[in-house]
Structures are given as C-alpha cells and as structure tokens.
Amino acid sequence: MNPQLKGMEEIEGTYAFDIRTSNKALKLNRFFWNMIRAEWRDRYKTDPEAVMQEAGLNDTEKNLVRTEDWLGLVQYGACFFVIEKFARVVRKTNLEVYAMMRGETFEQFMATRRVPESR
C-alpha cells in the first residue's frame, strides 16, 4: 500500500483513487470517458447492454452502471470526473448525484446547503 495513504481507511467516506484502483477500474473509467462522444452516448441510449459488453465491463461494473449506483461506482474505483459525463447522459445533475451518494432525496440534500433554494 502507498505509505501516503496509511490511515486513510479510518476516515469515513474517503475512497482513494490511486494507481491500483485506477488499474482495477480502467475499463469502467474508459467506458464513462467515452461518453464525451455523441456516437457513444447515442449507442448507449439505444442499447446499453451492447455498449457495456463492447467496453469489456464485468458483471459488477455493468450492475453499478445499470442501477446508477453513484456511491458504489466511486467505492469501486470510478473517477468522479468521468462519472459526471455519464450523469449527464442519464440526465442527472451533480447535485442530484451528491444527494443519491448520501442516501438522501434531492430536497433533503438541498436543505443542508447554505443556499437551499438555489438550483
């Protein structure tokens, strides 16, 4: 383990994105990165299973994508910056994703913000 990460597992809600995690989730992160291409997005919307298969995702990764398990994706090793690309494809805002990651409704999450009426 990277000595700089020693004790990190004791910090609740912290998930390291290191080289080991990056390698483990490489196909998943590439799958999400490809969402920058209109053709990939359109194909995903038309036949998500075929696109996930083409990307080489394993069953765990496919299930995380199918269920839009945002926290599970991060815990698995997906980089949030590419998850954001996927969120747009499935018509979710960052704030909605944050709420789901916390296990809250959007309204519950917004009530915790300094400016809860902002959208």
PDB file of N, CA and C in Angstrom:
ATOM      1  N   MET A   1       0.841  -1.192   0.000  1.00  0.00           N
ATOM      2  CA  MET A   1       0.000   0.000   0.000  1.00  0.00           C
ATOM      3  C   MET A   1       0.880   1.248   0.000  1.00  0.00           C
ATOM      4  N   ASN A   2       0.394   2.266  -0.636  1.00  0.00           N
ATOM      5  CA  ASN A   2       1.087   3.553  -0.675  1.00  0.00           C
ATOM      6  C   ASN A   2       1.178   4.097   0.750  1.00  0.00           C
ATOM      7  N   PRO A   3       2.389   4.362   1.258  1.00  0.00           N
ATOM      8  CA  PRO A   3       2.514   4.844   2.634  1.00  0.00           C
ATOM      9  C   PRO A   3       1.815   6.181   2.868  1.00  0.00           C
ATOM     10  N   GLN A   4       1.604   6.958   1.822  1.00  0.00           N
ATOM     11  CA  GLN A   4       0.902   8.231   1.973  1.00  0.00           C
ATOM     12  C   GLN A   4      -0.581   8.026   2.280  1.00  0.00           C
ATOM     13  N   LEU A   5      -1.084   6.819   2.021  1.00  0.00           N
ATOM     14  CA  LEU A   5      -2.498   6.524   2.270  1.00  0.00           C
ATOM     15  C   LEU A   5      -2.717   5.826   3.611  1.00  0.00           C
ATOM     16  N   LYS A   6      -1.654   5.611   4.355  1.00  0.00           N
ATOM     17  CA  LYS A   6      -1.766   4.914   5.644  1.00  0.00           C
ATOM     18  C   LYS A   6      -2.747   5.662   6.554  1.00  0.00           C
ATOM     19  N   GLY A   7      -3.715   4.939   7.073  1.00  0.00           N
ATOM     20  CA  GLY A   7      -4.715   5.513   7.961  1.00  0.00           C
ATOM     21  C   GLY A   7      -5.915   6.094   7.242  1.00  0.00           C
ATOM     22  N   MET A   8      -5.851   6.183   5.932  1.00  0.00           N
ATOM     23  CA  MET A   8      -6.942   6.761   5.163  1.00  0.00           C
ATOM     24  C   MET A   8      -8.244   5.979   5.335  1.00  0.00           C
ATOM     25  N   GLU A   9      -8.122   4.670   5.489  1.00  0.00           N
ATOM     26  CA  GLU A   9      -9.316   3.837   5.633  1.00  0.00           C
ATOM     27  C   GLU A   9     -10.094   4.164   6.913  1.00  0.00           C
ATOM     28  N   GLU A  10      -9.467   4.876   7.825  1.00  0.00           N
ATOM     29  CA  GLU A  10     -10.140   5.271   9.064  1.00  0.00           C
ATOM     30  C   GLU A  10     -10.971   6.546   8.900  1.00  0.00           C
ATOM     31  N   ILE A  11     -10.828   7.211   7.764  1.00  0.00           N
ATOM     32  CA  ILE A  11     -11.582   8.441   7.510  1.00  0.00           C
ATOM     33  C   ILE A  11     -12.855   8.064   6.772  1.00  0.00           C
ATOM     34  N   GLU A  12     -13.969   8.089   7.473  1.00  0.00           N
ATOM     35  CA  GLU A  12     -15.246   7.680   6.897  1.00  0.00           C
ATOM     36  C   GLU A  12     -15.572   8.500   5.647  1.00  0.00           C
ATOM     37  N   GLY A  13     -16.054   7.797   4.626  1.00  0.00           N
ATOM     38  CA  GLY A  13     -16.457   8.470   3.404  1.00  0.00           C
ATOM     39  C   GLY A  13     -15.317   8.845   2.481  1.00  0.00           C
ATOM     40  N   THR A  14     -14.129   8.287   2.723  1.00  0.00           N
ATOM     41  CA  THR A  14     -12.966   8.588   1.899  1.00  0.00           C
ATOM     42  C   THR A  14     -12.589   7.350   1.104  1.00  0.00           C
ATOM     43  N   TYR A  15     -12.440   7.517  -0.197  1.00  0.00           N
ATOM     44  CA  TYR A  15     -12.124   6.405  -1.086  1.00  0.00           C
ATOM     45  C   TYR A  15     -10.951   6.826  -1.955  1.00  0.00           C
ATOM     46  N   ALA A  16      -9.825   6.172  -1.761  1.00  0.00           N
ATOM     47  CA  ALA A  16      -8.611   6.532  -2.503  1.00  0.00           C
ATOM     48  C   ALA A  16      -8.762   6.190  -3.966  1.00  0.00           C
ATOM     49  N   PHE A  17      -8.267   7.074  -4.811  1.00  0.00           N
ATOM     50  CA  PHE A  17      -8.171   6.798  -6.239  1.00  0.00           C
ATOM     51  C   PHE A  17      -6.679   6.819  -6.561  1.00  0.00           C
ATOM     52  N   ASP A  18      -6.062   5.651  -6.399  1.00  0.00           N
ATOM     53  CA  ASP A  18      -4.631   5.535  -6.634  1.00  0.00           C
ATOM     54  C   ASP A  18      -4.392   4.666  -7.868  1.00  0.00           C
ATOM     55  N   ILE A  19      -3.146   4.355  -8.143  1.00  0.00           N
ATOM     56  CA  ILE A  19      -2.820   3.593  -9.346  1.00  0.00           C
ATOM     57  C   ILE A  19      -3.455   2.200  -9.310  1.00  0.00           C
ATOM     58  N   ARG A  20      -3.506   1.595  -8.145  1.00  0.00           N
ATOM     59  CA  ARG A  20      -4.116   0.268  -8.009  1.00  0.00           C
ATOM     60  C   ARG A  20      -5.601   0.325  -8.357  1.00  0.00           C
ATOM     61  N   THR A  21      -6.297   1.311  -7.797  1.00  0.00           N
ATOM     62  CA  THR A  21      -7.722   1.487  -8.062  1.00  0.00           C
ATOM     63  C   THR A  21      -7.944   1.844  -9.526  1.00  0.00           C
ATOM     64  N   SER A  22      -7.097   2.713 -10.038  1.00  0.00           N
ATOM     65  CA  SER A  22      -7.205   3.137 -11.436  1.00  0.00           C
ATOM     66  C   SER A  22      -7.082   1.943 -12.379  1.00  0.00           C
ATOM     67  N   ASN A  23      -6.130   1.079 -12.115  1.00  0.00           N
ATOM     68  CA  ASN A  23      -5.956  -0.106 -12.959  1.00  0.00           C
ATOM     69  C   ASN A  23      -7.149  -1.040 -12.862  1.00  0.00           C
ATOM     70  N   LYS A  24      -7.662  -1.233 -11.658  1.00  0.00           N
ATOM     71  CA  LYS A  24      -8.801  -2.137 -11.452  1.00  0.00           C
ATOM     72  C   LYS A  24     -10.022  -1.658 -12.226  1.00  0.00           C
ATOM     73  N   ALA A  25     -10.251  -0.359 -12.248  1.00  0.00           N
ATOM     74  CA  ALA A  25     -11.462   0.203 -12.855  1.00  0.00           C
ATOM     75  C   ALA A  25     -11.198   0.847 -14.215  1.00  0.00           C
ATOM     76  N   LEU A  26     -10.105   0.481 -14.859  1.00  0.00           N
ATOM     77  CA  LEU A  26      -9.721   1.130 -16.109  1.00  0.00           C
ATOM     78  C   LEU A  26     -10.800   1.025 -17.188  1.00  0.00           C
ATOM     79  N   LYS A  27     -11.345  -0.158 -17.408  1.00  0.00           N
ATOM     80  CA  LYS A  27     -12.365  -0.323 -18.456  1.00  0.00           C
ATOM     81  C   LYS A  27     -13.616   0.488 -18.128  1.00  0.00           C
ATOM     82  N   LEU A  28     -13.989   0.505 -16.860  1.00  0.00           N
ATOM     83  CA  LEU A  28     -15.160   1.272 -16.446  1.00  0.00           C
ATOM     84  C   LEU A  28     -14.930   2.765 -16.664  1.00  0.00           C
ATOM     85  N   ASN A  29     -13.779   3.254 -16.285  1.00  0.00           N
ATOM     86  CA  ASN A  29     -13.475   4.671 -16.463  1.00  0.00           C
ATOM     87  C   ASN A  29     -13.381   5.051 -17.945  1.00  0.00           C
ATOM     88  N   ARG A  30     -12.846   4.163 -18.759  1.00  0.00           N
ATOM     89  CA  ARG A  30     -12.814   4.423 -20.208  1.00  0.00           C
ATOM     90  C   ARG A  30     -14.231   4.435 -20.778  1.00  0.00           C
ATOM     91  N   PHE A  31     -15.060   3.523 -20.298  1.00  0.00           N
ATOM     92  CA  PHE A  31     -16.465   3.486 -20.712  1.00  0.00           C
ATOM     93  C   PHE A  31     -17.126   4.838 -20.447  1.00  0.00           C
ATOM     94  N   PHE A  32     -16.930   5.371 -19.242  1.00  0.00           N
ATOM     95  CA  PHE A  32     -17.509   6.673 -18.911  1.00  0.00           C
ATOM     96  C   PHE A  32     -16.852   7.794 -19.706  1.00  0.00           C
ATOM     97  N   TRP A  33     -15.548   7.733 -19.880  1.00  0.00           N
ATOM     98  CA  TRP A  33     -14.848   8.783 -20.641  1.00  0.00           C
ATOM     99  C   TRP A  33     -15.403   8.875 -22.059  1.00  0.00           C
ATOM    100  N   ASN A  34     -15.719   7.719 -22.630  1.00  0.00           N
ATOM    101  CA  ASN A  34     -16.245   7.709 -23.997  1.00  0.00           C
ATOM    102  C   ASN A  34     -17.583   8.428 -24.133  1.00  0.00           C
ATOM    103  N   MET A  35     -18.211   8.747 -23.023  1.00  0.00           N
ATOM    104  CA  MET A  35     -19.476   9.482 -23.077  1.00  0.00           C
ATOM    105  C   MET A  35     -19.284  10.899 -23.642  1.00  0.00           C
ATOM    106  N   ILE A  36     -18.049  11.328 -23.830  1.00  0.00           N
ATOM    107  CA  ILE A  36     -17.810  12.634 -24.452  1.00  0.00           C
ATOM    108  C   ILE A  36     -18.149  12.590 -25.943  1.00  0.00           C
ATOM    109  N   ARG A  37     -18.218  11.391 -26.500  1.00  0.00           N
ATOM    110  CA  ARG A  37     -18.502  11.231 -27.932  1.00  0.00           C
ATOM    111  C   ARG A  37     -19.991  11.009 -28.156  1.00  0.00           C
ATOM    112  N   ALA A  38     -20.587  11.848 -28.993  1.00  0.00           N
ATOM    113  CA  ALA A  38     -22.031  11.773 -29.258  1.00  0.00           C
ATOM    114  C   ALA A  38     -22.436  10.390 -29.766  1.00  0.00           C
ATOM    115  N   GLU A  39     -21.617   9.809 -30.615  1.00  0.00           N
ATOM    116  CA  GLU A  39     -21.938   8.492 -31.175  1.00  0.00           C
ATOM    117  C   GLU A  39     -22.009   7.442 -30.063  1.00  0.00           C
ATOM    118  N   TRP A  40     -21.095   7.498 -29.108  1.00  0.00           N
ATOM    119  CA  TRP A  40     -21.078   6.541 -27.986  1.00  0.00           C
ATOM    120  C   TRP A  40     -22.315   6.740 -27.106  1.00  0.00           C
ATOM    121  N   ARG A  41     -22.608   8.005 -26.811  1.00  0.00           N
ATOM    122  CA  ARG A  41     -23.800   8.309 -25.997  1.00  0.00           C
ATOM    123  C   ARG A  41     -25.062   7.790 -26.674  1.00  0.00           C
ATOM    124  N   ASP A  42     -25.194   8.055 -27.965  1.00  0.00           N
ATOM    125  CA  ASP A  42     -26.382   7.614 -28.698  1.00  0.00           C
ATOM    126  C   ASP A  42     -26.494   6.094 -28.701  1.00  0.00           C
ATOM    127  N   ARG A  43     -25.370   5.428 -28.922  1.00  0.00           N
ATOM    128  CA  ARG A  43     -25.388   3.965 -28.895  1.00  0.00           C
ATOM    129  C   ARG A  43     -25.745   3.452 -27.506  1.00  0.00           C
ATOM    130  N   TYR A  44     -25.222   4.108 -26.466  1.00  0.00           N
ATOM    131  CA  TYR A  44     -25.548   3.687 -25.096  1.00  0.00           C
ATOM    132  C   TYR A  44     -27.049   3.831 -24.847  1.00  0.00           C
ATOM    133  N   LYS A  45     -27.612   4.957 -25.245  1.00  0.00           N
ATOM    134  CA  LYS A  45     -29.043   5.187 -25.019  1.00  0.00           C
ATOM    135  C   LYS A  45     -29.902   4.173 -25.777  1.00  0.00           C
ATOM    136  N   THR A  46     -29.434   3.747 -26.938  1.00  0.00           N
ATOM    137  CA  THR A  46     -30.178   2.790 -27.759  1.00  0.00           C
ATOM    138  C   THR A  46     -30.032   1.357 -27.257  1.00  0.00           C
ATOM    139  N   ASP A  47     -28.804   0.975 -26.892  1.00  0.00           N
ATOM    140  CA  ASP A  47     -28.546  -0.405 -26.472  1.00  0.00           C
ATOM    141  C   ASP A  47     -27.430  -0.438 -25.429  1.00  0.00           C
ATOM    142  N   PRO A  48     -27.778  -0.078 -24.185  1.00  0.00           N
ATOM    143  CA  PRO A  48     -26.743  -0.003 -23.144  1.00  0.00           C
ATOM    144  C   PRO A  48     -25.988  -1.314 -22.933  1.00  0.00           C
ATOM    145  N   GLU A  49     -26.683  -2.435 -23.022  1.00  0.00           N
ATOM    146  CA  GLU A  49     -26.021  -3.726 -22.778  1.00  0.00           C
ATOM    147  C   GLU A  49     -24.934  -3.990 -23.812  1.00  0.00           C
ATOM    148  N   ALA A  50     -25.212  -3.683 -25.064  1.00  0.00           N
ATOM    149  CA  ALA A  50     -24.224  -3.913 -26.120  1.00  0.00           C
ATOM    150  C   ALA A  50     -23.001  -3.025 -25.923  1.00  0.00           C
ATOM    151  N   VAL A  51     -23.209  -1.781 -25.533  1.00  0.00           N
ATOM    152  CA  VAL A  51     -22.094  -0.858 -25.349  1.00  0.00           C
ATOM    153  C   VAL A  51     -21.261  -1.262 -24.134  1.00  0.00           C
ATOM    154  N   MET A  52     -21.936  -1.694 -23.065  1.00  0.00           N
ATOM    155  CA  MET A  52     -21.185  -2.152 -21.892  1.00  0.00           C
ATOM    156  C   MET A  52     -20.378  -3.400 -22.222  1.00  0.00           C
ATOM    157  N   GLN A  53     -20.963  -4.291 -23.022  1.00  0.00           N
ATOM    158  CA  GLN A  53     -20.252  -5.504 -23.440  1.00  0.00           C
ATOM    159  C   GLN A  53     -19.043  -5.126 -24.290  1.00  0.00           C
ATOM    160  N   GLU A  54     -19.236  -4.222 -25.247  1.00  0.00           N
ATOM    161  CA  GLU A  54     -18.137  -3.774 -26.109  1.00  0.00           C
ATOM    162  C   GLU A  54     -17.005  -3.151 -25.289  1.00  0.00           C
ATOM    163  N   ALA A  55     -17.366  -2.442 -24.222  1.00  0.00           N
ATOM    164  CA  ALA A  55     -16.370  -1.794 -23.363  1.00  0.00           C
ATOM    165  C   ALA A  55     -15.635  -2.798 -22.483  1.00  0.00           C
ATOM    166  N   GLY A  56     -16.127  -4.036 -22.440  1.00  0.00           N
ATOM    167  CA  GLY A  56     -15.455  -5.073 -21.659  1.00  0.00           C
ATOM    168  C   GLY A  56     -15.756  -5.012 -20.173  1.00  0.00           C
ATOM    169  N   LEU A  57     -16.900  -4.398 -19.810  1.00  0.00           N
ATOM    170  CA  LEU A  57     -17.238  -4.305 -18.392  1.00  0.00           C
ATOM    171  C   LEU A  57     -17.580  -5.678 -17.834  1.00  0.00           C
ATOM    172  N   ASN A  58     -17.187  -5.913 -16.594  1.00  0.00           N
ATOM    173  CA  ASN A  58     -17.540  -7.172 -15.941  1.00  0.00           C
ATOM    174  C   ASN A  58     -18.948  -7.040 -15.341  1.00  0.00           C
ATOM    175  N   ASP A  59     -19.466  -8.115 -14.788  1.00  0.00           N
ATOM    176  CA  ASP A  59     -20.844  -8.115 -14.275  1.00  0.00           C
ATOM    177  C   ASP A  59     -21.048  -7.097 -13.156  1.00  0.00           C
ATOM    178  N   THR A  60     -20.068  -6.963 -12.271  1.00  0.00           N
ATOM    179  CA  THR A  60     -20.166  -5.987 -11.181  1.00  0.00           C
ATOM    180  C   THR A  60     -20.272  -4.582 -11.744  1.00  0.00           C
ATOM    181  N   GLU A  61     -19.404  -4.262 -12.687  1.00  0.00           N
ATOM    182  CA  GLU A  61     -19.395  -2.931 -13.287  1.00  0.00           C
ATOM    183  C   GLU A  61     -20.700  -2.654 -14.031  1.00  0.00           C
ATOM    184  N   LYS A  62     -21.171  -3.636 -14.784  1.00  0.00           N
ATOM    185  CA  LYS A  62     -22.437  -3.469 -15.506  1.00  0.00           C
ATOM    186  C   LYS A  62     -23.583  -3.187 -14.537  1.00  0.00           C
ATOM    187  N   ASN A  63     -23.612  -3.906 -13.430  1.00  0.00           N
ATOM    188  CA  ASN A  63     -24.676  -3.708 -12.456  1.00  0.00           C
ATOM    189  C   ASN A  63     -24.602  -2.314 -11.835  1.00  0.00           C
ATOM    190  N   LEU A  64     -23.406  -1.838 -11.535  1.00  0.00           N
ATOM    191  CA  LEU A  64     -23.246  -0.489 -10.981  1.00  0.00           C
ATOM    192  C   LEU A  64     -23.765   0.560 -11.970  1.00  0.00           C
ATOM    193  N   VAL A  65     -23.499   0.348 -13.253  1.00  0.00           N
ATOM    194  CA  VAL A  65     -23.973   1.274 -14.289  1.00  0.00           C
ATOM    195  C   VAL A  65     -25.490   1.182 -14.414  1.00  0.00           C
ATOM    196  N   ARG A  66     -26.013  -0.044 -14.525  1.00  0.00           N
ATOM    197  CA  ARG A  66     -27.469  -0.239 -14.691  1.00  0.00           C
ATOM    198  C   ARG A  66     -28.264   0.413 -13.567  1.00  0.00           C
ATOM    199  N   THR A  67     -27.769   0.270 -12.345  1.00  0.00           N
ATOM    200  CA  THR A  67     -28.516   0.766 -11.187  1.00  0.00           C
ATOM    201  C   THR A  67     -28.189   2.216 -10.855  1.00  0.00           C
ATOM    202  N   GLU A  68     -27.254   2.792 -11.625  1.00  0.00           N
ATOM    203  CA  GLU A  68     -26.804   4.157 -11.360  1.00  0.00           C
ATOM    204  C   GLU A  68     -26.448   4.321  -9.882  1.00  0.00           C
ATOM    205  N   ASP A  69     -25.646   3.378  -9.417  1.00  0.00           N
ATOM    206  CA  ASP A  69     -25.192   3.361  -8.023  1.00  0.00           C
ATOM    207  C   ASP A  69     -23.967   4.275  -7.907  1.00  0.00           C
ATOM    208  N   TRP A  70     -24.226   5.554  -7.731  1.00  0.00           N
ATOM    209  CA  TRP A  70     -23.168   6.567  -7.772  1.00  0.00           C
ATOM    210  C   TRP A  70     -22.107   6.343  -6.705  1.00  0.00           C
ATOM    211  N   LEU A  71     -22.536   6.086  -5.474  1.00  0.00           N
ATOM    212  CA  LEU A  71     -21.574   5.845  -4.406  1.00  0.00           C
ATOM    213  C   LEU A  71     -20.831   4.537  -4.654  1.00  0.00           C
ATOM    214  N   GLY A  72     -21.553   3.523  -5.088  1.00  0.00           N
ATOM    215  CA  GLY A  72     -20.920   2.247  -5.403  1.00  0.00           C
ATOM    216  C   GLY A  72     -19.876   2.383  -6.492  1.00  0.00           C
ATOM    217  N   LEU A  73     -20.150   3.228  -7.477  1.00  0.00           N
ATOM    218  CA  LEU A  73     -19.179   3.468  -8.546  1.00  0.00           C
ATOM    219  C   LEU A  73     -17.893   4.071  -7.996  1.00  0.00           C
ATOM    220  N   VAL A  74     -18.029   5.061  -7.131  1.00  0.00           N
ATOM    221  CA  VAL A  74     -16.843   5.700  -6.537  1.00  0.00           C
ATOM    222  C   VAL A  74     -16.103   4.699  -5.655  1.00  0.00           C
ATOM    223  N   GLN A  75     -16.838   3.953  -4.851  1.00  0.00           N
ATOM    224  CA  GLN A  75     -16.208   2.963  -3.981  1.00  0.00           C
ATOM    225  C   GLN A  75     -15.490   1.890  -4.797  1.00  0.00           C
ATOM    226  N   TYR A  76     -16.030   1.570  -5.949  1.00  0.00           N
ATOM    227  CA  TYR A  76     -15.422   0.562  -6.825  1.00  0.00           C
ATOM    228  C   TYR A  76     -14.135   1.079  -7.463  1.00  0.00           C
ATOM    229  N   GLY A  77     -14.096   2.378  -7.733  1.00  0.00           N
ATOM    230  CA  GLY A  77     -12.892   2.949  -8.332  1.00  0.00           C
ATOM    231  C   GLY A  77     -13.136   3.827  -9.537  1.00  0.00           C
ATOM    232  N   ALA A  78     -14.400   4.146  -9.806  1.00  0.00           N
ATOM    233  CA  ALA A  78     -14.679   5.065 -10.910  1.00  0.00           C
ATOM    234  C   ALA A  78     -14.269   6.477 -10.486  1.00  0.00           C
ATOM    235  N   CYS A  79     -13.668   7.186 -11.401  1.00  0.00           N
ATOM    236  CA  CYS A  79     -13.249   8.564 -11.160  1.00  0.00           C
ATOM    237  C   CYS A  79     -14.472   9.477 -11.290  1.00  0.00           C
ATOM    238  N   PHE A  80     -14.659  10.332 -10.303  1.00  0.00           N
ATOM    239  CA  PHE A  80     -15.855  11.172 -10.323  1.00  0.00           C
ATOM    240  C   PHE A  80     -15.930  12.043 -11.571  1.00  0.00           C
ATOM    241  N   PHE A  81     -14.804  12.461 -12.091  1.00  0.00           N
ATOM    242  CA  PHE A  81     -14.814  13.355 -13.249  1.00  0.00           C
ATOM    243  C   PHE A  81     -15.366  12.681 -14.497  1.00  0.00           C
ATOM    244  N   VAL A  82     -15.236  11.362 -14.605  1.00  0.00           N
ATOM    245  CA  VAL A  82     -15.851  10.674 -15.740  1.00  0.00           C
ATOM    246  C   VAL A  82     -17.269  10.220 -15.409  1.00  0.00           C
ATOM    247  N   ILE A  83     -17.539  10.001 -14.120  1.00  0.00           N
ATOM    248  CA  ILE A  83     -18.916   9.695 -13.715  1.00  0.00           C
ATOM    249  C   ILE A  83     -19.832  10.865 -14.080  1.00  0.00           C
ATOM    250  N   GLU A  84     -19.313  12.086 -13.946  1.00  0.00           N
ATOM    251  CA  GLU A  84     -20.104  13.269 -14.304  1.00  0.00           C
ATOM    252  C   GLU A  84     -20.561  13.217 -15.750  1.00  0.00           C
ATOM    253  N   LYS A  85     -19.728  12.706 -16.627  1.00  0.00           N
ATOM    254  CA  LYS A  85     -20.094  12.604 -18.036  1.00  0.00           C
ATOM    255  C   LYS A  85     -21.278  11.658 -18.202  1.00  0.00           C
ATOM    256  N   PHE A  86     -21.244  10.549 -17.482  1.00  0.00           N
ATOM    257  CA  PHE A  86     -22.350   9.593 -17.530  1.00  0.00           C
ATOM    258  C   PHE A  86     -23.612  10.186 -16.914  1.00  0.00           C
ATOM    259  N   ALA A  87     -23.449  10.931 -15.832  1.00  0.00           N
ATOM    260  CA  ALA A  87     -24.618  11.544 -15.170  1.00  0.00           C
ATOM    261  C   ALA A  87     -25.395  12.415 -16.147  1.00  0.00           C
ATOM    262  N   ARG A  88     -24.692  13.138 -16.996  1.00  0.00           N
ATOM    263  CA  ARG A  88     -25.383  13.991 -17.974  1.00  0.00           C
ATOM    264  C   ARG A  88     -26.169  13.154 -18.972  1.00  0.00           C
ATOM    265  N   VAL A  89     -25.605  12.007 -19.354  1.00  0.00           N
ATOM    266  CA  VAL A  89     -26.271  11.129 -20.319  1.00  0.00           C
ATOM    267  C   VAL A  89     -27.585  10.612 -19.743  1.00  0.00           C
ATOM    268  N   VAL A  90     -27.584  10.315 -18.444  1.00  0.00           N
ATOM    269  CA  VAL A  90     -28.810   9.805 -17.805  1.00  0.00           C
ATOM    270  C   VAL A  90     -29.603  10.933 -17.138  1.00  0.00           C
ATOM    271  N   ARG A  91     -29.260  12.163 -17.510  1.00  0.00           N
ATOM    272  CA  ARG A  91     -29.992  13.365 -17.134  1.00  0.00           C
ATOM    273  C   ARG A  91     -30.054  13.615 -15.622  1.00  0.00           C
ATOM    274  N   LYS A  92     -28.864  13.510 -15.007  1.00  0.00           N
ATOM    275  CA  LYS A  92     -28.728  13.816 -13.582  1.00  0.00           C
ATOM    276  C   LYS A  92     -27.732  14.964 -13.432  1.00  0.00           C
ATOM    277  N   THR A  93     -28.037  15.882 -12.517  1.00  0.00           N
ATOM    278  CA  THR A  93     -27.105  16.960 -12.218  1.00  0.00           C
ATOM    279  C   THR A  93     -26.133  16.490 -11.137  1.00  0.00           C
ATOM    280  N   ASN A  94     -25.048  17.228 -10.955  1.00  0.00           N
ATOM    281  CA  ASN A  94     -24.119  16.893  -9.876  1.00  0.00           C
ATOM    282  C   ASN A  94     -24.837  16.894  -8.536  1.00  0.00           C
ATOM    283  N   LEU A  95     -25.684  17.880  -8.295  1.00  0.00           N
ATOM    284  CA  LEU A  95     -26.382  17.963  -7.014  1.00  0.00           C
ATOM    285  C   LEU A  95     -27.273  16.745  -6.785  1.00  0.00           C
ATOM    286  N   GLU A  96     -27.933  16.270  -7.826  1.00  0.00           N
ATOM    287  CA  GLU A  96     -28.746  15.058  -7.684  1.00  0.00           C
ATOM    288  C   GLU A  96     -27.867  13.850  -7.372  1.00  0.00           C
ATOM    289  N   VAL A  97     -26.726  13.771  -8.023  1.00  0.00           N
ATOM    290  CA  VAL A  97     -25.792  12.662  -7.770  1.00  0.00           C
ATOM    291  C   VAL A  97     -25.286  12.726  -6.334  1.00  0.00           C
ATOM    292  N   TYR A  98     -24.913  13.911  -5.873  1.00  0.00           N
ATOM    293  CA  TYR A  98     -24.440  14.057  -4.491  1.00  0.00           C
ATOM    294  C   TYR A  98     -25.507  13.585  -3.505  1.00  0.00           C
ATOM    295  N   ALA A  99     -26.758  13.976  -3.746  1.00  0.00           N
ATOM    296  CA  ALA A  99     -27.850  13.569  -2.861  1.00  0.00           C
ATOM    297  C   ALA A  99     -27.958  12.045  -2.818  1.00  0.00           C
ATOM    298  N   MET A 100     -27.926  11.412  -3.991  1.00  0.00           N
ATOM    299  CA  MET A 100     -28.043   9.963  -4.041  1.00  0.00           C
ATOM    300  C   MET A 100     -26.859   9.291  -3.349  1.00  0.00           C
ATOM    301  N   MET A 101     -25.669   9.882  -3.494  1.00  0.00           N
ATOM    302  CA  MET A 101     -24.494   9.323  -2.824  1.00  0.00           C
ATOM    303  C   MET A 101     -24.658   9.355  -1.306  1.00  0.00           C
ATOM    304  N   ARG A 102     -25.363  10.352  -0.823  1.00  0.00           N
ATOM    305  CA  ARG A 102     -25.583  10.483   0.623  1.00  0.00           C
ATOM    306  C   ARG A 102     -26.817   9.721   1.101  1.00  0.00           C
ATOM    307  N   GLY A 103     -27.545   9.106   0.167  1.00  0.00           N
ATOM    308  CA  GLY A 103     -28.754   8.365   0.532  1.00  0.00           C
ATOM    309  C   GLY A 103     -29.909   9.281   0.877  1.00  0.00           C
ATOM    310  N   GLU A 104     -29.928  10.449   0.257  1.00  0.00           N
ATOM    311  CA  GLU A 104     -30.962  11.445   0.541  1.00  0.00           C
ATOM    312  C   GLU A 104     -31.748  11.762  -0.721  1.00  0.00           C
ATOM    313  N   THR A 105     -32.934  12.311  -0.525  1.00  0.00           N
ATOM    314  CA  THR A 105     -33.657  12.868  -1.660  1.00  0.00           C
ATOM    315  C   THR A 105     -32.976  14.179  -2.030  1.00  0.00           C
ATOM    316  N   PHE A 106     -33.277  14.671  -3.206  1.00  0.00           N
ATOM    317  CA  PHE A 106     -32.708  15.938  -3.631  1.00  0.00           C
ATOM    318  C   PHE A 106     -33.118  17.049  -2.667  1.00  0.00           C
ATOM    319  N   GLU A 107     -34.377  17.031  -2.251  1.00  0.00           N
ATOM    320  CA  GLU A 107     -34.882  18.063  -1.338  1.00  0.00           C
ATOM    321  C   GLU A 107     -34.163  18.002   0.014  1.00  0.00           C
ATOM    322  N   GLN A 108     -33.949  16.800   0.527  1.00  0.00           N
ATOM    323  CA  GLN A 108     -33.222  16.654   1.795  1.00  0.00           C
ATOM    324  C   GLN A 108     -31.798  17.183   1.659  1.00  0.00           C
ATOM    325  N   PHE A 109     -31.160  16.846   0.570  1.00  0.00           N
ATOM    326  CA  PHE A 109     -29.803  17.304   0.345  1.00  0.00           C
ATOM    327  C   PHE A 109     -29.750  18.826   0.252  1.00  0.00           C
ATOM    328  N   MET A 110     -30.651  19.416  -0.513  1.00  0.00           N
ATOM    329  CA  MET A 110     -30.628  20.865  -0.705  1.00  0.00           C
ATOM    330  C   MET A 110     -30.884  21.604   0.610  1.00  0.00           C
ATOM    331  N   ALA A 111     -31.647  21.003   1.511  1.00  0.00           N
ATOM    332  CA  ALA A 111     -31.906  21.628   2.809  1.00  0.00           C
ATOM    333  C   ALA A 111     -30.625  21.736   3.648  1.00  0.00           C
ATOM    334  N   THR A 112     -29.602  20.964   3.292  1.00  0.00           N
ATOM    335  CA  THR A 112     -28.339  21.019   4.040  1.00  0.00           C
ATOM    336  C   THR A 112     -27.366  22.040   3.463  1.00  0.00           C
ATOM    337  N   ARG A 113     -27.719  22.651   2.365  1.00  0.00           N
ATOM    338  CA  ARG A 113     -26.829  23.605   1.702  1.00  0.00           C
ATOM    339  C   ARG A 113     -27.028  25.000   2.308  1.00  0.00           C
ATOM    340  N   ARG A 114     -26.023  25.846   2.158  1.00  0.00           N
ATOM    341  CA  ARG A 114     -26.119  27.224   2.665  1.00  0.00           C
ATOM    342  C   ARG A 114     -27.181  28.036   1.937  1.00  0.00           C
ATOM    343  N   VAL A 115     -27.402  27.694   0.685  1.00  0.00           N
ATOM    344  CA  VAL A 115     -28.416  28.383  -0.115  1.00  0.00           C
ATOM    345  C   VAL A 115     -29.362  27.313  -0.658  1.00  0.00           C
ATOM    346  N   PRO A 116     -30.233  26.783   0.206  1.00  0.00           N
ATOM    347  CA  PRO A 116     -31.054  25.631  -0.188  1.00  0.00           C
ATOM    348  C   PRO A 116     -32.003  25.887  -1.336  1.00  0.00           C
ATOM    349  N   GLU A 117     -32.338  27.149  -1.583  1.00  0.00           N
ATOM    350  CA  GLU A 117     -33.276  27.421  -2.684  1.00  0.00           C
ATOM    351  C   GLU A 117     -32.569  27.517  -4.036  1.00  0.00           C
ATOM    352  N   SER A 118     -31.244  27.496  -4.062  1.00  0.00           N
ATOM    353  CA  SER A 118     -30.527  27.550  -5.341  1.00  0.00           C
ATOM    354  C   SER A 118     -30.615  26.209  -6.046  1.00  0.00           C
ATOM    355  N   ARG A 119     -30.567  26.251  -7.322  1.00  0.00           N
ATOM    356  CA  ARG A 119     -30.622  25.009  -8.100  1.00  0.00           C
ATOM    357  C   ARG A 119     -29.471  24.987  -9.025  1.00  0.00           C
TER     358      ARG A 119
END
